[in-house]
């Protein structure tokens, strides 16, 4: 039970990091946002940040994946529907 709680908290923290980093990168661009700035904004240490993400590239990749998730989900929903090709394109 404790392991499930720890996993849940870990997942929540990772989602929080992605969310905050994504907002910061959207406002300033990925190159202008450092791992140190993200850690400070989240009030965590850099080692904690690096526990969740090996490096900034991994974090940027996860932010991007999370950002396109709604489009990807919508596209997958359209593709799986029984519509004509013409309707799917629309």
PDB file of N, CA and C in Angstrom:
ATOM      1  N   UNK A   1       0.822  -1.192   0.000  1.00  0.00           N
ATOM      2  CA  UNK A   1       0.000   0.000   0.000  1.00  0.00           C
ATOM      3  C   UNK A   1       0.868   1.258   0.000  1.00  0.00           C
ATOM      4  N   UNK A   2       1.920   1.243   0.815  1.00  0.00           N
ATOM      5  CA  UNK A   2       2.812   2.391   0.892  1.00  0.00           C
ATOM      6  C   UNK A   2       3.501   2.636  -0.454  1.00  0.00           C
ATOM      7  N   UNK A   3       3.844   1.549  -1.151  1.00  0.00           N
ATOM      8  CA  UNK A   3       4.500   1.667  -2.456  1.00  0.00           C
ATOM      9  C   UNK A   3       3.575   2.349  -3.457  1.00  0.00           C
ATOM     10  N   UNK A   4       2.291   2.030  -3.408  1.00  0.00           N
ATOM     11  CA  UNK A   4       1.310   2.662  -4.298  1.00  0.00           C
ATOM     12  C   UNK A   4       1.210   4.148  -3.994  1.00  0.00           C
ATOM     13  N   UNK A   5       1.194   4.520  -2.715  1.00  0.00           N
ATOM     14  CA  UNK A   5       1.141   5.923  -2.330  1.00  0.00           C
ATOM     15  C   UNK A   5       2.370   6.661  -2.832  1.00  0.00           C
ATOM     16  N   UNK A   6       3.556   6.049  -2.664  1.00  0.00           N
ATOM     17  CA  UNK A   6       4.792   6.682  -3.118  1.00  0.00           C
ATOM     18  C   UNK A   6       4.797   6.844  -4.631  1.00  0.00           C
ATOM     19  N   UNK A   7       4.319   5.841  -5.351  1.00  0.00           N
ATOM     20  CA  UNK A   7       4.253   5.925  -6.812  1.00  0.00           C
ATOM     21  C   UNK A   7       3.297   7.027  -7.225  1.00  0.00           C
ATOM     22  N   UNK A   8       2.169   7.113  -6.554  1.00  0.00           N
ATOM     23  CA  UNK A   8       1.179   8.135  -6.866  1.00  0.00           C
ATOM     24  C   UNK A   8       1.752   9.532  -6.623  1.00  0.00           C
ATOM     25  N   UNK A   9       2.425   9.709  -5.487  1.00  0.00           N
ATOM     26  CA  UNK A   9       3.038  11.007  -5.192  1.00  0.00           C
ATOM     27  C   UNK A   9       4.137  11.329  -6.195  1.00  0.00           C
ATOM     28  N   UNK A  10       4.888  10.321  -6.570  1.00  0.00           N
ATOM     29  CA  UNK A  10       5.952  10.503  -7.544  1.00  0.00           C
ATOM     30  C   UNK A  10       5.377  10.921  -8.898  1.00  0.00           C
ATOM     31  N   UNK A  11       4.296  10.268  -9.304  1.00  0.00           N
ATOM     32  CA  UNK A  11       3.637  10.630 -10.566  1.00  0.00           C
ATOM     33  C   UNK A  11       3.097  12.051 -10.505  1.00  0.00           C
ATOM     34  N   UNK A  12       2.509  12.424  -9.375  1.00  0.00           N
ATOM     35  CA  UNK A  12       1.974  13.770  -9.201  1.00  0.00           C
ATOM     36  C   UNK A  12       3.093  14.814  -9.295  1.00  0.00           C
ATOM     37  N   UNK A  13       4.218  14.550  -8.658  1.00  0.00           N
ATOM     38  CA  UNK A  13       5.340  15.482  -8.690  1.00  0.00           C
ATOM     39  C   UNK A  13       5.872  15.619 -10.108  1.00  0.00           C
ATOM     40  N   UNK A  14       5.959  14.501 -10.824  1.00  0.00           N
ATOM     41  CA  UNK A  14       6.443  14.544 -12.203  1.00  0.00           C
ATOM     42  C   UNK A  14       5.496  15.368 -13.068  1.00  0.00           C
ATOM     43  N   UNK A  15       4.196  15.180 -12.896  1.00  0.00           N
ATOM     44  CA  UNK A  15       3.210  15.964 -13.656  1.00  0.00           C
ATOM     45  C   UNK A  15       3.321  17.447 -13.315  1.00  0.00           C
ATOM     46  N   UNK A  16       3.549  17.753 -12.047  1.00  0.00           N
ATOM     47  CA  UNK A  16       3.700  19.147 -11.629  1.00  0.00           C
ATOM     48  C   UNK A  16       4.926  19.775 -12.288  1.00  0.00           C
ATOM     49  N   UNK A  17       6.024  19.036 -12.310  1.00  0.00           N
ATOM     50  CA  UNK A  17       7.249  19.539 -12.943  1.00  0.00           C
ATOM     51  C   UNK A  17       6.995  19.806 -14.422  1.00  0.00           C
ATOM     52  N   UNK A  18       6.364  18.879 -15.105  1.00  0.00           N
ATOM     53  CA  UNK A  18       6.081  19.041 -16.537  1.00  0.00           C
ATOM     54  C   UNK A  18       5.183  20.255 -16.763  1.00  0.00           C
ATOM     55  N   UNK A  19       4.179  20.418 -15.930  1.00  0.00           N
ATOM     56  CA  UNK A  19       3.248  21.534 -16.068  1.00  0.00           C
ATOM     57  C   UNK A  19       3.950  22.885 -15.872  1.00  0.00           C
ATOM     58  N   UNK A  20       4.699  23.000 -14.794  1.00  0.00           N
ATOM     59  CA  UNK A  20       5.389  24.258 -14.504  1.00  0.00           C
ATOM     60  C   UNK A  20       6.449  24.550 -15.564  1.00  0.00           C
ATOM     61  N   UNK A  21       7.233  23.544 -15.920  1.00  0.00           N
ATOM     62  CA  UNK A  21       8.260  23.732 -16.944  1.00  0.00           C
ATOM     63  C   UNK A  21       7.624  24.112 -18.272  1.00  0.00           C
ATOM     64  N   UNK A  22       6.512  23.489 -18.612  1.00  0.00           N
ATOM     65  CA  UNK A  22       5.819  23.798 -19.857  1.00  0.00           C
ATOM     66  C   UNK A  22       5.358  25.242 -19.911  1.00  0.00           C
ATOM     67  N   UNK A  23       4.804  25.734 -18.815  1.00  0.00           N
ATOM     68  CA  UNK A  23       4.366  27.139 -18.761  1.00  0.00           C
ATOM     69  C   UNK A  23       5.547  28.085 -18.893  1.00  0.00           C
ATOM     70  N   UNK A  24       6.622  27.776 -18.199  1.00  0.00           N
ATOM     71  CA  UNK A  24       7.808  28.621 -18.275  1.00  0.00           C
ATOM     72  C   UNK A  24       8.395  28.628 -19.681  1.00  0.00           C
ATOM     73  N   UNK A  25       8.428  27.455 -20.313  1.00  0.00           N
ATOM     74  CA  UNK A  25       8.982  27.362 -21.666  1.00  0.00           C
ATOM     75  C   UNK A  25       8.074  28.024 -22.685  1.00  0.00           C
ATOM     76  N   UNK A  26       6.771  27.949 -22.477  1.00  0.00           N
ATOM     77  CA  UNK A  26       5.835  28.602 -23.391  1.00  0.00           C
ATOM     78  C   UNK A  26       5.994  30.122 -23.328  1.00  0.00           C
ATOM     79  N   UNK A  27       6.266  30.635 -22.149  1.00  0.00           N
ATOM     80  CA  UNK A  27       6.421  32.083 -21.980  1.00  0.00           C
ATOM     81  C   UNK A  27       7.769  32.593 -22.478  1.00  0.00           C
ATOM     82  N   UNK A  28       8.821  31.821 -22.270  1.00  0.00           N
ATOM     83  CA  UNK A  28      10.173  32.319 -22.530  1.00  0.00           C
ATOM     84  C   UNK A  28      10.951  31.564 -23.592  1.00  0.00           C
ATOM     85  N   UNK A  29      10.444  30.410 -24.004  1.00  0.00           N
ATOM     86  CA  UNK A  29      11.172  29.554 -24.927  1.00  0.00           C
ATOM     87  C   UNK A  29      12.037  28.581 -24.148  1.00  0.00           C
ATOM     88  N   UNK A  30      12.190  27.368 -24.652  1.00  0.00           N
ATOM     89  CA  UNK A  30      12.948  26.340 -23.929  1.00  0.00           C
ATOM     90  C   UNK A  30      14.397  26.724 -23.645  1.00  0.00           C
ATOM     91  N   UNK A  31      15.023  27.432 -24.570  1.00  0.00           N
ATOM     92  CA  UNK A  31      16.436  27.778 -24.379  1.00  0.00           C
ATOM     93  C   UNK A  31      16.636  28.794 -23.260  1.00  0.00           C
ATOM     94  N   UNK A  32      15.618  29.599 -22.976  1.00  0.00           N
ATOM     95  CA  UNK A  32      15.740  30.644 -21.957  1.00  0.00           C
ATOM     96  C   UNK A  32      15.429  30.141 -20.553  1.00  0.00           C
ATOM     97  N   UNK A  33      14.979  28.897 -20.444  1.00  0.00           N
ATOM     98  CA  UNK A  33      14.602  28.342 -19.148  1.00  0.00           C
ATOM     99  C   UNK A  33      15.620  27.279 -18.740  1.00  0.00           C
ATOM    100  N   UNK A  34      16.242  27.482 -17.600  1.00  0.00           N
ATOM    101  CA  UNK A  34      17.243  26.518 -17.119  1.00  0.00           C
ATOM    102  C   UNK A  34      16.608  25.564 -16.120  1.00  0.00           C
ATOM    103  N   UNK A  35      17.279  24.466 -15.900  1.00  0.00           N
ATOM    104  CA  UNK A  35      16.827  23.508 -14.897  1.00  0.00           C
ATOM    105  C   UNK A  35      16.834  24.172 -13.516  1.00  0.00           C
ATOM    106  N   UNK A  36      17.799  25.042 -13.284  1.00  0.00           N
ATOM    107  CA  UNK A  36      17.866  25.757 -12.022  1.00  0.00           C
ATOM    108  C   UNK A  36      16.634  26.648 -11.830  1.00  0.00           C
ATOM    109  N   UNK A  37      16.226  27.345 -12.874  1.00  0.00           N
ATOM    110  CA  UNK A  37      15.037  28.202 -12.807  1.00  0.00           C
ATOM    111  C   UNK A  37      13.784  27.378 -12.512  1.00  0.00           C
ATOM    112  N   UNK A  38      13.679  26.221 -13.133  1.00  0.00           N
ATOM    113  CA  UNK A  38      12.523  25.342 -12.921  1.00  0.00           C
ATOM    114  C   UNK A  38      12.512  24.848 -11.476  1.00  0.00           C
ATOM    115  N   UNK A  39      13.658  24.427 -10.983  1.00  0.00           N
ATOM    116  CA  UNK A  39      13.755  23.951  -9.602  1.00  0.00           C
ATOM    117  C   UNK A  39      13.371  25.056  -8.622  1.00  0.00           C
ATOM    118  N   UNK A  40      13.862  26.268  -8.867  1.00  0.00           N
ATOM    119  CA  UNK A  40      13.528  27.390  -7.990  1.00  0.00           C
ATOM    120  C   UNK A  40      12.032  27.680  -7.999  1.00  0.00           C
ATOM    121  N   UNK A  41      11.443  27.675  -9.177  1.00  0.00           N
ATOM    122  CA  UNK A  41      10.001  27.947  -9.294  1.00  0.00           C
ATOM    123  C   UNK A  41       9.182  26.906  -8.532  1.00  0.00           C
ATOM    124  N   UNK A  42       9.625  25.653  -8.561  1.00  0.00           N
ATOM    125  CA  UNK A  42       8.923  24.566  -7.887  1.00  0.00           C
ATOM    126  C   UNK A  42       9.307  24.443  -6.411  1.00  0.00           C
ATOM    127  N   UNK A  43      10.298  25.239  -6.003  1.00  0.00           N
ATOM    128  CA  UNK A  43      10.804  25.188  -4.635  1.00  0.00           C
ATOM    129  C   UNK A  43      11.326  23.787  -4.281  1.00  0.00           C
ATOM    130  N   UNK A  44      12.078  23.225  -5.227  1.00  0.00           N
ATOM    131  CA  UNK A  44      12.732  21.939  -5.014  1.00  0.00           C
ATOM    132  C   UNK A  44      14.210  22.103  -5.349  1.00  0.00           C
ATOM    133  N   UNK A  45      15.002  21.126  -4.972  1.00  0.00           N
ATOM    134  CA  UNK A  45      16.423  21.179  -5.310  1.00  0.00           C
ATOM    135  C   UNK A  45      16.646  20.613  -6.713  1.00  0.00           C
ATOM    136  N   UNK A  46      17.767  20.988  -7.313  1.00  0.00           N
ATOM    137  CA  UNK A  46      18.090  20.440  -8.626  1.00  0.00           C
ATOM    138  C   UNK A  46      18.228  18.929  -8.611  1.00  0.00           C
ATOM    139  N   UNK A  47      18.826  18.332  -7.561  1.00  0.00           N
ATOM    140  CA  UNK A  47      18.887  16.865  -7.546  1.00  0.00           C
ATOM    141  C   UNK A  47      17.501  16.216  -7.613  1.00  0.00           C
ATOM    142  N   UNK A  48      16.507  16.830  -6.974  1.00  0.00           N
ATOM    143  CA  UNK A  48      15.149  16.288  -7.060  1.00  0.00           C
ATOM    144  C   UNK A  48      14.664  16.355  -8.502  1.00  0.00           C
ATOM    145  N   UNK A  49      14.926  17.465  -9.160  1.00  0.00           N
ATOM    146  CA  UNK A  49      14.530  17.622 -10.562  1.00  0.00           C
ATOM    147  C   UNK A  49      15.216  16.568 -11.431  1.00  0.00           C
ATOM    148  N   UNK A  50      16.491  16.342 -11.186  1.00  0.00           N
ATOM    149  CA  UNK A  50      17.232  15.350 -11.961  1.00  0.00           C
ATOM    150  C   UNK A  50      16.855  13.906 -11.587  1.00  0.00           C
ATOM    151  N   UNK A  51      16.211  13.738 -10.462  1.00  0.00           N
ATOM    152  CA  UNK A  51      15.684  12.420 -10.118  1.00  0.00           C
ATOM    153  C   UNK A  51      14.578  12.036 -11.101  1.00  0.00           C
ATOM    154  N   UNK A  52      13.773  13.006 -11.482  1.00  0.00           N
ATOM    155  CA  UNK A  52      12.645  12.755 -12.387  1.00  0.00           C
ATOM    156  C   UNK A  52      13.034  12.822 -13.863  1.00  0.00           C
ATOM    157  N   UNK A  53      14.024  13.645 -14.181  1.00  0.00           N
ATOM    158  CA  UNK A  53      14.443  13.822 -15.580  1.00  0.00           C
ATOM    159  C   UNK A  53      15.961  13.797 -15.653  1.00  0.00           C
ATOM    160  N   UNK A  54      16.480  12.912 -16.501  1.00  0.00           N
ATOM    161  CA  UNK A  54      17.925  12.713 -16.621  1.00  0.00           C
ATOM    162  C   UNK A  54      18.640  14.008 -16.999  1.00  0.00           C
ATOM    163  N   UNK A  55      17.997  14.788 -17.878  1.00  0.00           N
ATOM    164  CA  UNK A  55      18.590  16.042 -18.324  1.00  0.00           C
ATOM    165  C   UNK A  55      17.480  16.948 -18.882  1.00  0.00           C
ATOM    166  N   UNK A  56      17.854  18.127 -19.296  1.00  0.00           N
ATOM    167  CA  UNK A  56      16.875  19.088 -19.794  1.00  0.00           C
ATOM    168  C   UNK A  56      16.200  18.582 -21.066  1.00  0.00           C
ATOM    169  N   UNK A  57      16.942  17.903 -21.906  1.00  0.00           N
ATOM    170  CA  UNK A  57      16.363  17.344 -23.138  1.00  0.00           C
ATOM    171  C   UNK A  57      15.188  16.424 -22.839  1.00  0.00           C
ATOM    172  N   UNK A  58      15.350  15.567 -21.846  1.00  0.00           N
ATOM    173  CA  UNK A  58      14.268  14.654 -21.456  1.00  0.00           C
ATOM    174  C   UNK A  58      13.051  15.430 -20.967  1.00  0.00           C
ATOM    175  N   UNK A  59      13.296  16.478 -20.184  1.00  0.00           N
ATOM    176  CA  UNK A  59      12.191  17.294 -19.689  1.00  0.00           C
ATOM    177  C   UNK A  59      11.486  18.016 -20.837  1.00  0.00           C
ATOM    178  N   UNK A  60      12.241  18.594 -21.747  1.00  0.00           N
ATOM    179  CA  UNK A  60      11.643  19.275 -22.907  1.00  0.00           C
ATOM    180  C   UNK A  60      10.822  18.283 -23.729  1.00  0.00           C
ATOM    181  N   UNK A  61      11.342  17.083 -23.923  1.00  0.00           N
ATOM    182  CA  UNK A  61      10.625  16.051 -24.670  1.00  0.00           C
ATOM    183  C   UNK A  61       9.279  15.735 -24.000  1.00  0.00           C
ATOM    184  N   UNK A  62       9.283  15.590 -22.680  1.00  0.00           N
ATOM    185  CA  UNK A  62       8.053  15.283 -21.949  1.00  0.00           C
ATOM    186  C   UNK A  62       7.069  16.451 -21.994  1.00  0.00           C
ATOM    187  N   UNK A  63       7.570  17.663 -21.913  1.00  0.00           N
ATOM    188  CA  UNK A  63       6.714  18.852 -22.024  1.00  0.00           C
ATOM    189  C   UNK A  63       6.061  18.873 -23.402  1.00  0.00           C
ATOM    190  N   UNK A  64       6.837  18.600 -24.435  1.00  0.00           N
ATOM    191  CA  UNK A  64       6.306  18.579 -25.797  1.00  0.00           C
ATOM    192  C   UNK A  64       5.248  17.489 -25.953  1.00  0.00           C
ATOM    193  N   UNK A  65       5.555  16.291 -25.451  1.00  0.00           N
ATOM    194  CA  UNK A  65       4.597  15.183 -25.562  1.00  0.00           C
ATOM    195  C   UNK A  65       3.288  15.512 -24.855  1.00  0.00           C
ATOM    196  N   UNK A  66       3.392  16.135 -23.704  1.00  0.00           N
ATOM    197  CA  UNK A  66       2.187  16.512 -22.958  1.00  0.00           C
ATOM    198  C   UNK A  66       1.414  17.604 -23.708  1.00  0.00           C
ATOM    199  N   UNK A  67       2.149  18.506 -24.353  1.00  0.00           N
ATOM    200  CA  UNK A  67       1.513  19.589 -25.099  1.00  0.00           C
ATOM    201  C   UNK A  67       0.741  19.112 -26.322  1.00  0.00           C
ATOM    202  N   UNK A  68       1.224  18.058 -26.972  1.00  0.00           N
ATOM    203  CA  UNK A  68       0.536  17.575 -28.170  1.00  0.00           C
ATOM    204  C   UNK A  68      -0.473  16.475 -27.871  1.00  0.00           C
ATOM    205  N   UNK A  69      -0.544  16.046 -26.612  1.00  0.00           N
ATOM    206  CA  UNK A  69      -1.454  14.951 -26.244  1.00  0.00           C
ATOM    207  C   UNK A  69      -2.904  15.205 -26.680  1.00  0.00           C
ATOM    208  N   UNK A  70      -3.469  16.404 -26.459  1.00  0.00           N
ATOM    209  CA  UNK A  70      -4.863  16.609 -26.891  1.00  0.00           C
ATOM    210  C   UNK A  70      -5.051  16.436 -28.401  1.00  0.00           C
ATOM    211  N   UNK A  71      -4.078  16.891 -29.185  1.00  0.00           N
ATOM    212  CA  UNK A  71      -4.171  16.742 -30.637  1.00  0.00           C
ATOM    213  C   UNK A  71      -4.046  15.277 -31.044  1.00  0.00           C
ATOM    214  N   UNK A  72      -3.119  14.589 -30.390  1.00  0.00           N
ATOM    215  CA  UNK A  72      -2.900  13.178 -30.671  1.00  0.00           C
ATOM    216  C   UNK A  72      -4.141  12.361 -30.312  1.00  0.00           C
ATOM    217  N   UNK A  73      -4.727  12.652 -29.147  1.00  0.00           N
ATOM    218  CA  UNK A  73      -5.939  11.948 -28.732  1.00  0.00           C
ATOM    219  C   UNK A  73      -7.085  12.204 -29.701  1.00  0.00           C
ATOM    220  N   UNK A  74      -7.229  13.467 -30.132  1.00  0.00           N
ATOM    221  CA  UNK A  74      -8.291  13.806 -31.078  1.00  0.00           C
ATOM    222  C   UNK A  74      -8.098  13.122 -32.418  1.00  0.00           C
ATOM    223  N   UNK A  75      -6.874  13.097 -32.891  1.00  0.00           N
ATOM    224  CA  UNK A  75      -6.576  12.446 -34.162  1.00  0.00           C
ATOM    225  C   UNK A  75      -6.852  10.948 -34.075  1.00  0.00           C
ATOM    226  N   UNK A  76      -6.433  10.329 -32.987  1.00  0.00           N
ATOM    227  CA  UNK A  76      -6.684   8.898 -32.820  1.00  0.00           C
ATOM    228  C   UNK A  76      -8.174   8.587 -32.759  1.00  0.00           C
ATOM    229  N   UNK A  77      -8.945   9.474 -32.141  1.00  0.00           N
ATOM    230  CA  UNK A  77     -10.393   9.273 -32.071  1.00  0.00           C
ATOM    231  C   UNK A  77     -11.011   9.333 -33.459  1.00  0.00           C
ATOM    232  N   UNK A  78     -10.578  10.283 -34.266  1.00  0.00           N
ATOM    233  CA  UNK A  78     -11.115  10.423 -35.630  1.00  0.00           C
ATOM    234  C   UNK A  78     -10.730   9.221 -36.481  1.00  0.00           C
ATOM    235  N   UNK A  79      -9.508   8.793 -36.358  1.00  0.00           N
ATOM    236  CA  UNK A  79      -9.034   7.664 -37.163  1.00  0.00           C
ATOM    237  C   UNK A  79      -9.807   6.392 -36.835  1.00  0.00           C
ATOM    238  N   UNK A  80     -10.135   6.210 -35.559  1.00  0.00           N
ATOM    239  CA  UNK A  80     -10.809   4.973 -35.172  1.00  0.00           C
ATOM    240  C   UNK A  80     -12.311   4.985 -35.471  1.00  0.00           C
ATOM    241  N   UNK A  81     -12.878   6.139 -35.792  1.00  0.00           N
ATOM    242  CA  UNK A  81     -14.305   6.200 -36.109  1.00  0.00           C
ATOM    243  C   UNK A  81     -14.575   5.568 -37.473  1.00  0.00           C
ATOM    244  N   UNK A  82     -15.777   5.078 -37.645  1.00  0.00           N
ATOM    245  CA  UNK A  82     -16.184   4.487 -38.920  1.00  0.00           C
ATOM    246  C   UNK A  82     -16.719   5.566 -39.845  1.00  0.00           C
ATOM    247  N   UNK A  83     -15.821   6.382 -40.324  1.00  0.00           N
ATOM    248  CA  UNK A  83     -16.178   7.461 -41.244  1.00  0.00           C
ATOM    249  C   UNK A  83     -15.491   7.222 -42.575  1.00  0.00           C
ATOM    250  N   UNK A  84     -16.034   7.858 -43.597  1.00  0.00           N
ATOM    251  CA  UNK A  84     -15.371   7.784 -44.893  1.00  0.00           C
ATOM    252  C   UNK A  84     -14.058   8.552 -44.816  1.00  0.00           C
ATOM    253  N   UNK A  85     -13.150   8.265 -45.712  1.00  0.00           N
ATOM    254  CA  UNK A  85     -11.873   8.956 -45.747  1.00  0.00           C
ATOM    255  C   UNK A  85     -12.095  10.462 -45.888  1.00  0.00           C
ATOM    256  N   UNK A  86     -13.027  10.845 -46.716  1.00  0.00           N
ATOM    257  CA  UNK A  86     -13.321  12.272 -46.924  1.00  0.00           C
ATOM    258  C   UNK A  86     -13.768  12.940 -45.614  1.00  0.00           C
ATOM    259  N   UNK A  87     -14.622  12.268 -44.852  1.00  0.00           N
ATOM    260  CA  UNK A  87     -15.072  12.828 -43.576  1.00  0.00           C
ATOM    261  C   UNK A  87     -13.943  12.867 -42.544  1.00  0.00           C
ATOM    262  N   UNK A  88     -13.085  11.876 -42.570  1.00  0.00           N
ATOM    263  CA  UNK A  88     -11.950  11.874 -41.656  1.00  0.00           C
ATOM    264  C   UNK A  88     -11.018  13.047 -41.950  1.00  0.00           C
ATOM    265  N   UNK A  89     -10.814  13.343 -43.216  1.00  0.00           N
ATOM    266  CA  UNK A  89      -9.944  14.453 -43.599  1.00  0.00           C
ATOM    267  C   UNK A  89     -10.540  15.778 -43.153  1.00  0.00           C
ATOM    268  N   UNK A  90     -11.863  15.889 -43.265  1.00  0.00           N
ATOM    269  CA  UNK A  90     -12.530  17.119 -42.817  1.00  0.00           C
ATOM    270  C   UNK A  90     -12.319  17.295 -41.335  1.00  0.00           C
TER     271      UNK A  90
END
